Amino acid sequence: MHNIELIGASLFALALLHTFAAKSFGTLARRHPRHAGLFHLLGEVEVVFGFWAFVLILVMALANGGQSAIAYVESRHYTEPLFVFTVMVVAASRPVLDAVQRLLLALSRKLPLRTEVALAWFGLALVPLTGSLITEPAAMTLAAMTLAPLIFRAGMPEWLKYGALGVLFVNVSIGGTLTSYAAPPVLMVAGTWGWDSAFMASNFGWKAALAVVVNATVVSFMLAPHLRPIAANEIQATPGADAADTPKVPLAVTVIHLAFLAGLVVFSHHPVLFLGLFMLFLGFTSAYERYQSPLIIKEALLVGFFLAGLVVLGGMQQWWLQPIVESLSPLALFFGATALTAITDNAALTYLGSLINGITPQAQYMLVAGAVSGGGLTVIANAPNPAGVALLRRGFNDESVGMLGLLLGALGPTVVAAAAFLLL
C-alpha cells in the first residue's frame, strides 16, 4: 500500500462527509454574506466529488509529479459521466417529455383513482421500470421531471418529499435489472459472468418489479391526501418554458427526438458515437427552436462533473474494498454490498466482484442483489441519483437535499427490495 492510496481513501472519506454536510453550507452562506457565493458552490451536492477529485489530483502532482497525476487521470474511464450528461439533456427535452407525460396522463385517467394519485404512482413505478429499456439515467430524468410539480413543491410535507425521493432512487436502482445493459452494476458483470437479459429477467427482474410496485403503492397512499389536482399543461411544462407561448410539438419532431434518445441508448458504451449523436441533436434543437424549451445543460453538466469526480476518487479505493468483498460469505456479501454501496458506488462494487477468481454463482447473485438494493441510500450509491438530486432539489427547503433525510427516506424501500431478492 502506498501513501497516495491512504491519501486517496482519506479524501474519499472527506468527500463523503461533505455530501452529508452540504445542506449546512446554506446556513454558512447566510451567516457570512461576503463569501455566500463560495458557500453556495460548496453546498451543491453535484460539485462535491469533482472538487475533491481536483484536490486528489493536486496532491498527486505535488507528491509524485505532474506527469504521474495526469497519467492517473487519463487512465480512468469517463464513458458513464459523458453518457449520463447527454441522455439527461435529451430525455428532458420538451418533445420527449411531452410524449411521455401525455402517455402517463392518458394511462392515469384509465385507473379508478384520482388522476394526480395515479400519475404519482406511474412516476414512481412504471417510469423506473422503463429504465431496463431506456437506461436508468434516462428513466430518472423522466420520472423526476414528471414528479417535480406533483410532489416536490411548496406545501408538501418535507418528510414525505424525502420518502418519495427514497422510493424513486431505490426503484430506479432495482428497476433496471430486467435487462443486462441498463443498470450500471449489472453491466459491470454481465459480460464476465455470462448474464444475458433472459437471465436477468428470470432471476432479478420479476422480483425487482414486485418490490417497485410495493414501494410505489405504499408511498402513493401516503402522498394521496397531500396531492392537489393539477392541470395537464402544468405537468407538461418544462422548466423555463411558458406553455402559453410555445406551439404544439409536431409528431415528426417528437419522433426525431425519440430516435435521438434511442440512438444514445444503443451506443451508450461508445462515447465517440453517442457524443456525435448529441452534437446532431443540439443542431436539430437549434434548427427547430420554436418547439423546444431551454435544455438542462447546466444541471446535466453538474451531474457529469459529480460522476467524473467519483470515477477519479473511486479509482483509489480498490486496495481496501476488494479484500472486504472477497472475504465475505454469500449472505454476508449481500448485506455487506448493500451497506458498502451507500459509501461507494454500486457499479464500482460489482466491478470489484467481477475481478474475483472462482466466485460462486450464489455469491455473484448476492453481490449484485445487495448492490442494487442499496442503490437509493445516498446520492453516490447509484449513478443516476445525482441527476435526481439536480432536478428535484429546488423542491426542498433551502433548495438542497439533505443526505440524512435521503438515507432515512430510502431505508423502508431498501428493506422491501432486499426482502424481495432474499426471500423470493
Foldseek 3Di string as FASTA:
>chain_A
DDPLLVVLVVLLVVLLVLLQCLVVLCVVCVVDVVCNVVSPQSSQNLCRLLVSLVVSLVVCCVVPNNVVSVVLLVVFDQLLLLLLLLLLLLLLKLLNLVVVLVVQQVVLVVDPDPSLLSSLLCLLAVLLLCLLPLALLSSLNSSLLQCQVFALAPQHDQLLNLLSLLSNQLLNLLSNQLAQQRFLQSVLACVLVVPGNVNSNVQRNVLSNVLSNVSSVVSSVVCVVRTDDDDSLVSSDRPQDDSVQADDDDPVVSVVSVVLSNQCSVCSVPSVRNVVSSVVVVVVCVVVVSNTGDGPNVLSVSLSSSVSSLSSSLVSNLVPLLVVCVPDDQVRLLQVLLVVLQSHELSSNSNSVSPDPPDDPSSNLSNNLSLSLNRQQFCRSGSSSSSSQSSRQCSHVVSHDNSVSNNVSNPVSSVSSSCSNPPD
